[in-house]
C-alpha cells in the first residue's frame, strides 16, 4: 500500500531556534483543540489548528466522503505548512519565550495511519519520526466524547490512547499525560513548561 507518490510533497519542518514547540496528541474528542486554544490564550502565543479536520470536513461537505489512503500525504503537507507558517509568527510575540502549541503533529497522523490501515506512507513515517518538539502532551480520555461529521470511534478511545502511548514509547518520544478539567489541564502544562524553561 506504500505506493503514494511522496516526491510531490514537502514535509520538512522549519522551526526558528527561539520557538518552544509543544505537540498535543491523543485520541479523538479528548480536548486537544480546547487545550491548545487555552494555552495560546494563557501564554499569549499562536497555536496550530489540526489541518486534517479542515481538509476532511470540506471533503465530507462536498462529497460525503471520509478519509482514504490517498489523503494522508496531502493532509501531512497541509499540516506542516501551517505549522511552519505559525512557527515563524511565534517569533514575533512580545514575550521572550516564543511558544507554539500544535493541535496534532505528523506523528499523530502516522499513528492513525497505522491504526486504520496497518501501514503508513514511507515519507510520512520518516518525517513524523524526524520532526522535533520540545514537549509532547498526550491528552487523557477523561472528557466526554462529542459526535461530529468526522469522529467515528466513541468506544475505542481507551484502545487508541493506549496505542498512542505504546507508539510514543516505542519511538522513544518522551511525553506527559494531561488530564482533568480545562483549568487543571492548563495548570498542569504551565507547571511543565516552567520546568522546561528552567532546564
N, C-alpha and C. Protein backbone atom coordinates (compact mmCIF):
# COMPACT_ATOMS: atom_id res chain seq x y z
N UNK A 1 0.82 -1.22 0.00
CA UNK A 1 0.00 0.00 0.00
C UNK A 1 0.86 1.27 0.00
N UNK A 2 2.17 1.12 0.12
CA UNK A 2 3.05 2.27 0.23
C UNK A 2 3.33 2.93 -1.11
N UNK A 3 2.34 3.00 -1.99
CA UNK A 3 2.55 3.50 -3.33
C UNK A 3 2.31 4.98 -3.52
N UNK A 4 2.06 5.73 -2.45
CA UNK A 4 1.85 7.17 -2.59
C UNK A 4 3.07 7.83 -3.20
N UNK A 5 2.84 8.77 -4.09
CA UNK A 5 3.95 9.50 -4.72
C UNK A 5 4.43 10.58 -3.76
N UNK A 6 5.49 10.28 -3.02
CA UNK A 6 5.97 11.22 -2.00
C UNK A 6 6.74 12.38 -2.59
N UNK A 7 7.16 12.26 -3.85
CA UNK A 7 8.00 13.31 -4.44
C UNK A 7 7.27 14.64 -4.57
N UNK A 8 5.95 14.59 -4.58
CA UNK A 8 5.16 15.82 -4.75
C UNK A 8 4.96 16.57 -3.44
N UNK A 9 5.42 16.00 -2.32
CA UNK A 9 5.10 16.57 -1.02
C UNK A 9 6.37 16.93 -0.25
N UNK A 10 6.37 18.14 0.29
CA UNK A 10 7.48 18.60 1.11
C UNK A 10 7.04 18.58 2.57
N UNK A 11 7.63 17.70 3.35
CA UNK A 11 7.23 17.54 4.74
C UNK A 11 8.33 18.02 5.70
N UNK A 12 9.17 18.91 5.23
CA UNK A 12 10.27 19.40 6.05
C UNK A 12 9.77 20.37 7.10
N UNK A 13 10.22 20.19 8.32
CA UNK A 13 9.84 21.04 9.45
C UNK A 13 10.85 22.19 9.56
N UNK A 14 10.34 23.42 9.66
CA UNK A 14 11.20 24.60 9.84
C UNK A 14 10.78 25.29 11.12
N UNK A 15 11.63 25.23 12.14
CA UNK A 15 11.32 25.85 13.42
C UNK A 15 12.43 26.81 13.81
N UNK A 16 12.14 28.11 13.92
CA UNK A 16 13.16 29.05 14.40
C UNK A 16 13.67 28.62 15.77
N UNK A 17 14.96 28.86 16.01
CA UNK A 17 15.59 28.38 17.25
C UNK A 17 14.94 28.94 18.50
N UNK A 18 14.36 30.12 18.42
CA UNK A 18 13.80 30.74 19.61
C UNK A 18 12.42 30.20 19.98
N UNK A 19 11.82 29.37 19.13
CA UNK A 19 10.45 28.90 19.36
C UNK A 19 10.45 27.60 20.15
N UNK A 20 9.69 27.58 21.24
CA UNK A 20 9.47 26.36 22.03
C UNK A 20 8.17 25.73 21.53
N UNK A 21 8.32 24.59 20.90
CA UNK A 21 7.19 23.98 20.21
C UNK A 21 6.64 22.81 21.02
N UNK A 22 5.31 22.83 21.23
CA UNK A 22 4.63 21.81 22.03
C UNK A 22 3.60 21.10 21.16
N UNK A 23 3.69 19.77 21.08
CA UNK A 23 2.73 18.97 20.31
C UNK A 23 1.71 18.37 21.27
N UNK A 24 0.44 18.53 20.95
CA UNK A 24 -0.65 17.97 21.75
C UNK A 24 -1.27 16.82 20.95
N UNK A 25 -1.13 15.61 21.48
CA UNK A 25 -1.58 14.41 20.78
C UNK A 25 -2.63 13.69 21.61
N UNK A 26 -3.36 12.75 20.96
CA UNK A 26 -4.31 11.96 21.72
C UNK A 26 -5.45 11.44 20.87
N UNK A 27 -6.24 10.58 21.45
CA UNK A 27 -7.41 10.03 20.78
C UNK A 27 -8.42 11.13 20.48
N UNK A 28 -9.39 10.81 19.62
CA UNK A 28 -10.36 11.82 19.22
C UNK A 28 -11.22 12.25 20.40
N UNK A 29 -11.63 13.51 20.36
CA UNK A 29 -12.54 14.08 21.36
C UNK A 29 -11.97 13.96 22.77
N UNK A 30 -10.67 14.29 22.91
CA UNK A 30 -10.06 14.29 24.24
C UNK A 30 -9.57 15.68 24.62
N UNK A 31 -10.09 16.70 23.96
CA UNK A 31 -9.82 18.07 24.37
C UNK A 31 -8.54 18.69 23.85
N UNK A 32 -7.99 18.15 22.77
CA UNK A 32 -6.72 18.68 22.24
C UNK A 32 -6.87 20.12 21.76
N UNK A 33 -7.90 20.37 20.97
CA UNK A 33 -8.10 21.71 20.42
C UNK A 33 -8.39 22.72 21.53
N UNK A 34 -9.24 22.35 22.46
CA UNK A 34 -9.56 23.23 23.58
C UNK A 34 -8.30 23.55 24.38
N UNK A 35 -7.49 22.54 24.63
CA UNK A 35 -6.26 22.76 25.39
C UNK A 35 -5.31 23.69 24.65
N UNK A 36 -5.15 23.50 23.35
CA UNK A 36 -4.27 24.38 22.57
C UNK A 36 -4.76 25.82 22.61
N UNK A 37 -6.06 26.01 22.45
CA UNK A 37 -6.62 27.36 22.50
C UNK A 37 -6.38 28.00 23.87
N UNK A 38 -6.65 27.23 24.92
CA UNK A 38 -6.48 27.76 26.27
C UNK A 38 -5.03 28.10 26.56
N UNK A 39 -4.11 27.25 26.11
CA UNK A 39 -2.69 27.50 26.33
C UNK A 39 -2.21 28.72 25.55
N UNK A 40 -2.69 28.85 24.31
CA UNK A 40 -2.31 30.00 23.50
C UNK A 40 -2.80 31.29 24.15
N UNK A 41 -4.01 31.26 24.71
CA UNK A 41 -4.53 32.43 25.42
C UNK A 41 -3.71 32.72 26.66
N UNK A 42 -3.39 31.68 27.42
CA UNK A 42 -2.63 31.86 28.65
C UNK A 42 -1.24 32.42 28.39
N UNK A 43 -0.57 31.89 27.37
CA UNK A 43 0.81 32.30 27.10
C UNK A 43 0.91 33.45 26.09
N UNK A 44 -0.22 33.86 25.52
CA UNK A 44 -0.20 34.95 24.55
C UNK A 44 0.58 34.62 23.30
N UNK A 45 0.31 33.46 22.73
CA UNK A 45 1.08 32.99 21.58
C UNK A 45 0.15 32.33 20.56
N UNK A 46 0.67 32.02 19.36
CA UNK A 46 -0.16 31.33 18.36
C UNK A 46 -0.36 29.85 18.71
N UNK A 47 -1.31 29.23 18.05
CA UNK A 47 -1.46 27.79 18.11
C UNK A 47 -1.78 27.27 16.72
N UNK A 48 -1.43 26.02 16.47
CA UNK A 48 -1.60 25.43 15.14
C UNK A 48 -2.83 24.54 15.12
N UNK A 49 -3.85 24.88 14.35
CA UNK A 49 -5.04 24.02 14.26
C UNK A 49 -4.72 22.70 13.55
N UNK A 50 -5.62 21.76 13.68
CA UNK A 50 -5.47 20.47 13.01
C UNK A 50 -5.96 20.60 11.57
N UNK A 51 -5.03 20.61 10.64
CA UNK A 51 -5.36 20.79 9.22
C UNK A 51 -6.27 19.66 8.72
N UNK A 52 -6.08 18.46 9.24
CA UNK A 52 -6.87 17.31 8.78
C UNK A 52 -8.37 17.56 8.94
N UNK A 53 -8.76 18.23 10.00
CA UNK A 53 -10.19 18.48 10.21
C UNK A 53 -10.75 19.40 9.13
N UNK A 54 -10.02 20.45 8.81
CA UNK A 54 -10.46 21.36 7.76
C UNK A 54 -10.55 20.64 6.42
N UNK A 55 -9.51 19.88 6.11
CA UNK A 55 -9.43 19.13 4.85
C UNK A 55 -10.57 18.12 4.73
N UNK A 56 -10.76 17.32 5.77
CA UNK A 56 -11.76 16.26 5.71
C UNK A 56 -13.19 16.78 5.85
N UNK A 57 -13.36 17.90 6.58
CA UNK A 57 -14.70 18.48 6.67
C UNK A 57 -15.14 18.98 5.30
N UNK A 58 -14.21 19.59 4.56
CA UNK A 58 -14.52 20.06 3.20
C UNK A 58 -14.84 18.88 2.29
N UNK A 59 -14.10 17.79 2.43
CA UNK A 59 -14.35 16.61 1.62
C UNK A 59 -15.73 16.02 1.95
N UNK A 60 -16.06 15.99 3.23
CA UNK A 60 -17.37 15.47 3.65
C UNK A 60 -18.50 16.37 3.14
N UNK A 61 -18.32 17.67 3.30
CA UNK A 61 -19.37 18.61 2.87
C UNK A 61 -19.58 18.55 1.36
N UNK A 62 -18.49 18.40 0.61
CA UNK A 62 -18.58 18.43 -0.86
C UNK A 62 -19.00 17.09 -1.45
N UNK A 63 -18.50 15.98 -0.86
CA UNK A 63 -18.68 14.68 -1.49
C UNK A 63 -19.28 13.61 -0.58
N UNK A 64 -19.50 13.94 0.70
CA UNK A 64 -19.95 12.94 1.67
C UNK A 64 -18.99 11.75 1.73
N UNK A 65 -17.69 12.04 1.62
CA UNK A 65 -16.66 11.01 1.67
C UNK A 65 -15.73 11.24 2.85
N UNK A 66 -15.19 10.16 3.39
CA UNK A 66 -14.27 10.24 4.52
C UNK A 66 -12.83 10.01 4.06
N UNK A 67 -11.93 9.95 5.02
CA UNK A 67 -10.50 9.86 4.73
C UNK A 67 -10.14 8.56 4.03
N UNK A 68 -9.25 8.67 3.05
CA UNK A 68 -8.69 7.49 2.38
C UNK A 68 -7.17 7.57 2.44
N UNK A 69 -6.54 6.50 2.03
CA UNK A 69 -5.07 6.42 1.98
C UNK A 69 -4.48 7.59 1.18
N UNK A 70 -5.11 7.93 0.06
CA UNK A 70 -4.58 8.97 -0.82
C UNK A 70 -4.65 10.37 -0.20
N UNK A 71 -5.40 10.52 0.87
CA UNK A 71 -5.50 11.82 1.53
C UNK A 71 -4.34 12.06 2.51
N UNK A 72 -3.63 11.01 2.90
CA UNK A 72 -2.67 11.13 4.01
C UNK A 72 -1.54 12.12 3.73
N UNK A 73 -0.89 12.01 2.58
CA UNK A 73 0.23 12.91 2.31
C UNK A 73 -0.22 14.35 2.05
N UNK A 74 -1.32 14.58 1.34
CA UNK A 74 -1.81 15.97 1.25
C UNK A 74 -2.13 16.57 2.61
N UNK A 75 -2.72 15.78 3.50
CA UNK A 75 -3.01 16.26 4.86
C UNK A 75 -1.70 16.56 5.59
N UNK A 76 -0.73 15.67 5.46
CA UNK A 76 0.56 15.87 6.12
C UNK A 76 1.22 17.16 5.64
N UNK A 77 1.19 17.40 4.34
CA UNK A 77 1.80 18.61 3.81
C UNK A 77 1.06 19.85 4.30
N UNK A 78 -0.26 19.81 4.30
CA UNK A 78 -1.03 20.95 4.79
C UNK A 78 -0.74 21.24 6.25
N UNK A 79 -0.58 20.17 7.05
CA UNK A 79 -0.30 20.35 8.47
C UNK A 79 1.06 21.00 8.70
N UNK A 80 2.08 20.51 8.01
CA UNK A 80 3.42 21.03 8.26
C UNK A 80 3.58 22.43 7.67
N UNK A 81 2.90 22.73 6.59
CA UNK A 81 2.94 24.09 6.05
C UNK A 81 2.33 25.08 7.04
N UNK A 82 1.23 24.68 7.65
CA UNK A 82 0.57 25.53 8.64
C UNK A 82 1.45 25.69 9.87
N UNK A 83 2.06 24.60 10.32
CA UNK A 83 2.94 24.66 11.48
C UNK A 83 4.14 25.57 11.21
N UNK A 84 4.76 25.42 10.04
CA UNK A 84 5.92 26.25 9.71
C UNK A 84 5.56 27.73 9.64
N UNK A 85 4.41 28.02 9.08
CA UNK A 85 3.96 29.41 8.97
C UNK A 85 3.75 30.03 10.35
N UNK A 86 3.11 29.27 11.25
CA UNK A 86 2.81 29.81 12.58
C UNK A 86 4.05 29.81 13.47
N UNK A 87 4.99 28.92 13.21
CA UNK A 87 6.26 28.95 13.95
C UNK A 87 7.00 30.25 13.67
N UNK A 88 6.94 30.69 12.44
CA UNK A 88 7.57 31.97 12.08
C UNK A 88 6.86 33.12 12.77
N UNK A 89 5.52 33.05 12.83
CA UNK A 89 4.75 34.09 13.51
C UNK A 89 5.06 34.12 15.01
N UNK A 90 5.34 32.95 15.58
CA UNK A 90 5.59 32.87 17.02
C UNK A 90 6.81 33.68 17.44
N UNK A 91 7.74 33.88 16.54
CA UNK A 91 8.94 34.66 16.87
C UNK A 91 8.61 36.14 17.04
N UNK A 92 7.43 36.55 16.63
CA UNK A 92 7.07 37.96 16.67
C UNK A 92 6.27 38.33 17.91
N UNK A 93 6.04 37.35 18.81
CA UNK A 93 5.33 37.66 20.05
C UNK A 93 6.24 38.48 20.96
N UNK A 94 5.64 39.27 21.84
CA UNK A 94 6.41 40.20 22.66
C UNK A 94 7.21 39.50 23.76
N UNK A 95 6.71 38.36 24.23
CA UNK A 95 7.40 37.65 25.31
C UNK A 95 8.74 37.12 24.82
N UNK A 96 9.68 37.01 25.72
CA UNK A 96 10.98 36.45 25.37
C UNK A 96 10.89 34.97 25.03
N UNK A 97 9.95 34.26 25.66
CA UNK A 97 9.74 32.85 25.36
C UNK A 97 8.68 32.74 24.27
N UNK A 98 9.07 32.24 23.12
CA UNK A 98 8.16 32.14 21.98
C UNK A 98 7.60 30.73 21.91
N UNK A 99 6.36 30.56 22.37
CA UNK A 99 5.74 29.25 22.39
C UNK A 99 4.87 29.05 21.15
N UNK A 100 4.75 27.78 20.76
CA UNK A 100 3.80 27.42 19.72
C UNK A 100 3.18 26.08 20.11
N UNK A 101 1.86 26.09 20.28
CA UNK A 101 1.13 24.88 20.67
C UNK A 101 0.47 24.28 19.43
N UNK A 102 0.79 23.02 19.16
CA UNK A 102 0.36 22.37 17.92
C UNK A 102 -0.73 21.33 18.21
N UNK A 103 -1.90 21.58 17.68
CA UNK A 103 -3.02 20.65 17.81
C UNK A 103 -2.80 19.52 16.80
N UNK A 104 -1.99 18.57 17.16
CA UNK A 104 -1.57 17.38 16.42
C UNK A 104 -0.19 17.62 15.79
N UNK A 105 0.34 16.57 15.21
CA UNK A 105 1.62 16.61 14.51
C UNK A 105 1.61 15.46 13.51
N UNK A 106 2.67 15.36 12.71
CA UNK A 106 2.73 14.25 11.77
C UNK A 106 2.86 12.91 12.49
N UNK A 107 3.38 12.95 13.72
CA UNK A 107 3.45 11.71 14.49
C UNK A 107 2.03 11.16 14.74
N UNK A 108 1.12 12.04 15.08
CA UNK A 108 -0.27 11.59 15.29
C UNK A 108 -0.87 11.04 14.01
N UNK A 109 -0.60 11.71 12.89
CA UNK A 109 -1.12 11.23 11.61
C UNK A 109 -0.53 9.85 11.29
N UNK A 110 0.74 9.66 11.60
CA UNK A 110 1.38 8.36 11.40
C UNK A 110 0.70 7.29 12.26
N UNK A 111 0.45 7.62 13.53
CA UNK A 111 -0.19 6.67 14.44
C UNK A 111 -1.57 6.27 13.91
N UNK A 112 -2.35 7.24 13.48
CA UNK A 112 -3.68 6.92 12.97
C UNK A 112 -3.63 6.14 11.66
N UNK A 113 -2.65 6.45 10.83
CA UNK A 113 -2.49 5.70 9.58
C UNK A 113 -2.24 4.23 9.88
N UNK A 114 -1.34 3.97 10.83
CA UNK A 114 -1.06 2.58 11.19
C UNK A 114 -2.24 1.92 11.90
N UNK A 115 -3.01 2.71 12.64
CA UNK A 115 -4.19 2.17 13.34
C UNK A 115 -5.25 1.73 12.35
N UNK A 116 -5.54 2.60 11.37
CA UNK A 116 -6.62 2.32 10.42
C UNK A 116 -6.20 1.44 9.25
N UNK A 117 -4.98 1.60 8.76
CA UNK A 117 -4.54 0.90 7.55
C UNK A 117 -3.48 -0.16 7.82
N UNK A 118 -2.99 -0.23 9.05
CA UNK A 118 -1.89 -1.14 9.38
C UNK A 118 -0.69 -0.87 8.48
N UNK A 119 -0.52 0.39 8.12
CA UNK A 119 0.55 0.81 7.22
C UNK A 119 0.60 2.33 7.24
N UNK A 120 1.69 2.89 6.73
CA UNK A 120 1.82 4.34 6.66
C UNK A 120 2.75 4.68 5.50
N UNK A 121 2.45 5.73 4.71
CA UNK A 121 3.38 6.12 3.65
C UNK A 121 4.79 6.35 4.20
N UNK A 122 5.78 5.84 3.51
CA UNK A 122 7.17 5.93 3.99
C UNK A 122 7.57 7.38 4.27
N UNK A 123 7.20 8.30 3.37
CA UNK A 123 7.59 9.70 3.54
C UNK A 123 6.99 10.28 4.81
N UNK A 124 5.76 9.89 5.13
CA UNK A 124 5.10 10.38 6.33
C UNK A 124 5.78 9.82 7.58
N UNK A 125 6.08 8.54 7.57
CA UNK A 125 6.77 7.92 8.71
C UNK A 125 8.12 8.58 8.95
N UNK A 126 8.89 8.76 7.90
CA UNK A 126 10.22 9.36 8.04
C UNK A 126 10.12 10.77 8.61
N UNK A 127 9.19 11.56 8.10
CA UNK A 127 9.04 12.94 8.58
C UNK A 127 8.54 12.95 10.02
N UNK A 128 7.57 12.11 10.33
CA UNK A 128 6.99 12.08 11.68
C UNK A 128 8.05 11.75 12.72
N UNK A 129 8.93 10.85 12.41
CA UNK A 129 9.96 10.43 13.36
C UNK A 129 11.11 11.43 13.43
N UNK A 130 11.31 12.18 12.36
CA UNK A 130 12.41 13.15 12.33
C UNK A 130 12.03 14.48 12.99
N UNK A 131 10.76 14.83 12.97
CA UNK A 131 10.34 16.13 13.49
C UNK A 131 10.57 16.21 14.99
N UNK A 132 10.93 17.41 15.43
CA UNK A 132 11.26 17.62 16.86
C UNK A 132 10.25 18.55 17.52
N UNK A 133 9.88 18.19 18.75
CA UNK A 133 9.06 19.06 19.61
C UNK A 133 9.74 19.12 20.97
N UNK A 134 9.74 20.29 21.56
CA UNK A 134 10.36 20.45 22.87
C UNK A 134 9.56 19.76 23.96
N UNK A 135 8.28 19.57 23.70
CA UNK A 135 7.40 18.94 24.67
C UNK A 135 6.27 18.25 23.93
N UNK A 136 5.95 17.02 24.34
CA UNK A 136 4.82 16.29 23.79
C UNK A 136 3.82 16.00 24.91
N UNK A 137 2.57 16.36 24.68
CA UNK A 137 1.50 16.13 25.64
C UNK A 137 0.53 15.11 25.07
N UNK A 138 0.09 14.18 25.90
CA UNK A 138 -0.90 13.19 25.49
C UNK A 138 -2.15 13.41 26.33
N UNK A 139 -3.24 13.80 25.68
CA UNK A 139 -4.47 14.11 26.41
C UNK A 139 -5.18 12.82 26.84
N UNK A 140 -5.65 12.84 28.07
CA UNK A 140 -6.34 11.68 28.64
C UNK A 140 -7.77 11.62 28.10
N UNK A 141 -8.42 10.48 28.34
CA UNK A 141 -9.78 10.27 27.80
C UNK A 141 -10.85 10.61 28.84
N UNK A 142 -10.52 11.53 29.76
CA UNK A 142 -11.48 11.89 30.82
C UNK A 142 -12.36 13.07 30.41
N UNK A 143 -12.59 13.23 29.12
CA UNK A 143 -13.53 14.24 28.61
C UNK A 143 -14.65 13.52 27.87
N UNK A 144 -15.86 14.09 27.83
CA UNK A 144 -16.96 13.43 27.12
C UNK A 144 -16.68 13.34 25.62
N UNK A 145 -17.09 12.22 25.01
CA UNK A 145 -16.99 12.08 23.56
C UNK A 145 -18.12 12.88 22.92
N UNK A 146 -17.79 13.73 21.96
CA UNK A 146 -18.77 14.57 21.29
C UNK A 146 -18.81 14.20 19.81
N UNK A 147 -19.96 13.82 19.32
CA UNK A 147 -20.09 13.39 17.92
C UNK A 147 -19.98 14.58 16.97
N UNK A 148 -19.43 14.32 15.78
CA UNK A 148 -19.48 15.28 14.67
C UNK A 148 -19.38 14.48 13.37
N UNK A 149 -19.22 15.19 12.24
CA UNK A 149 -19.21 14.51 10.94
C UNK A 149 -18.02 13.57 10.76
N UNK A 150 -16.93 13.80 11.50
CA UNK A 150 -15.68 13.09 11.24
C UNK A 150 -15.33 12.03 12.27
N UNK A 151 -15.79 12.18 13.49
CA UNK A 151 -15.41 11.24 14.55
C UNK A 151 -16.16 9.92 14.39
N UNK A 152 -15.45 8.81 14.66
CA UNK A 152 -16.08 7.51 14.43
C UNK A 152 -15.74 6.45 15.47
N UNK A 153 -15.06 6.83 16.55
CA UNK A 153 -14.59 5.81 17.49
C UNK A 153 -14.94 6.11 18.95
N UNK A 154 -16.21 6.26 19.27
CA UNK A 154 -16.57 6.60 20.65
C UNK A 154 -16.22 5.50 21.65
N UNK A 155 -16.14 4.25 21.18
CA UNK A 155 -15.93 3.13 22.09
C UNK A 155 -14.50 2.58 22.03
N UNK A 156 -13.61 3.27 21.30
CA UNK A 156 -12.24 2.78 21.16
C UNK A 156 -11.21 3.74 21.73
N UNK A 157 -11.67 4.75 22.46
CA UNK A 157 -10.70 5.75 22.92
C UNK A 157 -9.68 5.14 23.87
N UNK A 158 -10.10 4.18 24.70
CA UNK A 158 -9.15 3.50 25.59
C UNK A 158 -8.05 2.82 24.78
N UNK A 159 -8.46 2.06 23.76
CA UNK A 159 -7.50 1.33 22.95
C UNK A 159 -6.59 2.27 22.17
N UNK A 160 -7.19 3.32 21.59
CA UNK A 160 -6.39 4.24 20.79
C UNK A 160 -5.41 5.01 21.67
N UNK A 161 -5.86 5.42 22.84
CA UNK A 161 -4.97 6.12 23.76
C UNK A 161 -3.80 5.24 24.18
N UNK A 162 -4.09 3.97 24.46
CA UNK A 162 -3.03 3.02 24.81
C UNK A 162 -2.08 2.82 23.65
N UNK A 163 -2.61 2.83 22.43
CA UNK A 163 -1.78 2.67 21.23
C UNK A 163 -0.86 3.88 21.06
N UNK A 164 -1.39 5.08 21.30
CA UNK A 164 -0.55 6.28 21.26
C UNK A 164 0.61 6.15 22.24
N UNK A 165 0.30 5.75 23.46
CA UNK A 165 1.34 5.61 24.48
C UNK A 165 2.38 4.59 24.05
N UNK A 166 1.91 3.47 23.50
CA UNK A 166 2.81 2.43 23.01
C UNK A 166 3.75 2.96 21.93
N UNK A 167 3.19 3.72 20.98
CA UNK A 167 4.00 4.23 19.87
C UNK A 167 4.99 5.29 20.34
N UNK A 168 4.58 6.14 21.25
CA UNK A 168 5.49 7.15 21.79
C UNK A 168 6.65 6.47 22.52
N UNK A 169 6.35 5.46 23.28
CA UNK A 169 7.41 4.72 23.98
C UNK A 169 8.29 3.95 23.00
N UNK A 170 7.66 3.34 22.00
CA UNK A 170 8.41 2.57 21.01
C UNK A 170 9.47 3.41 20.31
N UNK A 171 9.08 4.64 19.96
CA UNK A 171 10.00 5.52 19.23
C UNK A 171 10.74 6.48 20.15
N UNK A 172 10.69 6.17 21.45
CA UNK A 172 11.45 6.92 22.46
C UNK A 172 11.16 8.42 22.39
N UNK A 173 9.87 8.73 22.36
CA UNK A 173 9.40 10.12 22.38
C UNK A 173 8.85 10.42 23.78
N UNK A 174 9.62 11.09 24.62
CA UNK A 174 9.13 11.40 25.97
C UNK A 174 7.86 12.25 25.91
N UNK A 175 6.94 12.00 26.83
CA UNK A 175 5.68 12.74 26.82
C UNK A 175 5.13 12.85 28.23
N UNK A 176 4.20 13.79 28.40
CA UNK A 176 3.46 13.94 29.64
C UNK A 176 1.98 13.73 29.35
N UNK A 177 1.32 12.96 30.22
CA UNK A 177 -0.13 12.79 30.08
C UNK A 177 -0.83 13.94 30.81
N UNK A 178 -1.83 14.53 30.15
CA UNK A 178 -2.56 15.66 30.70
C UNK A 178 -4.01 15.25 30.92
N UNK A 179 -4.53 15.54 32.13
CA UNK A 179 -5.89 15.11 32.45
C UNK A 179 -6.57 16.18 33.30
N UNK A 180 -7.85 15.94 33.60
CA UNK A 180 -8.59 16.87 34.42
C UNK A 180 -9.47 17.81 33.60
N UNK A 181 -10.07 18.80 34.30
CA UNK A 181 -10.90 19.77 33.60
C UNK A 181 -10.02 20.81 32.90
N UNK A 182 -10.64 21.78 32.24
CA UNK A 182 -9.88 22.74 31.44
C UNK A 182 -8.84 23.49 32.27
N UNK A 183 -9.24 23.99 33.41
CA UNK A 183 -8.32 24.74 34.26
C UNK A 183 -7.18 23.87 34.77
N UNK A 184 -7.52 22.65 35.15
CA UNK A 184 -6.49 21.73 35.66
C UNK A 184 -5.47 21.40 34.57
N UNK A 185 -5.95 21.22 33.36
CA UNK A 185 -5.03 20.89 32.27
C UNK A 185 -4.07 22.05 31.98
N UNK A 186 -4.59 23.25 31.93
CA UNK A 186 -3.73 24.42 31.69
C UNK A 186 -2.71 24.55 32.82
N UNK A 187 -3.15 24.34 34.04
CA UNK A 187 -2.24 24.44 35.18
C UNK A 187 -1.14 23.37 35.09
N UNK A 188 -1.52 22.17 34.73
CA UNK A 188 -0.52 21.10 34.59
C UNK A 188 0.53 21.47 33.55
N UNK A 189 0.08 21.95 32.42
CA UNK A 189 1.02 22.29 31.34
C UNK A 189 1.86 23.50 31.73
N UNK A 190 1.26 24.47 32.38
CA UNK A 190 2.02 25.64 32.82
C UNK A 190 3.19 25.22 33.71
N UNK A 191 2.92 24.31 34.63
CA UNK A 191 3.98 23.84 35.53
C UNK A 191 5.07 23.08 34.76
N UNK A 192 4.65 22.28 33.79
CA UNK A 192 5.63 21.53 32.99
C UNK A 192 6.49 22.49 32.18
N UNK A 193 5.85 23.50 31.57
CA UNK A 193 6.58 24.46 30.74
C UNK A 193 7.55 25.28 31.58
N UNK A 194 7.15 25.63 32.78
CA UNK A 194 8.06 26.37 33.66
C UNK A 194 9.31 25.56 33.96
N UNK A 195 9.13 24.27 34.20
CA UNK A 195 10.28 23.40 34.43
C UNK A 195 11.15 23.31 33.18
N UNK A 196 10.50 23.27 32.04
CA UNK A 196 11.24 23.22 30.77
C UNK A 196 12.06 24.49 30.58
N UNK A 197 11.46 25.64 30.90
CA UNK A 197 12.18 26.91 30.79
C UNK A 197 13.39 26.94 31.72
N UNK A 198 13.19 26.46 32.95
CA UNK A 198 14.27 26.48 33.92
C UNK A 198 15.40 25.55 33.49
N UNK A 199 15.01 24.42 32.86
CA UNK A 199 16.01 23.49 32.39
C UNK A 199 16.83 24.10 31.26
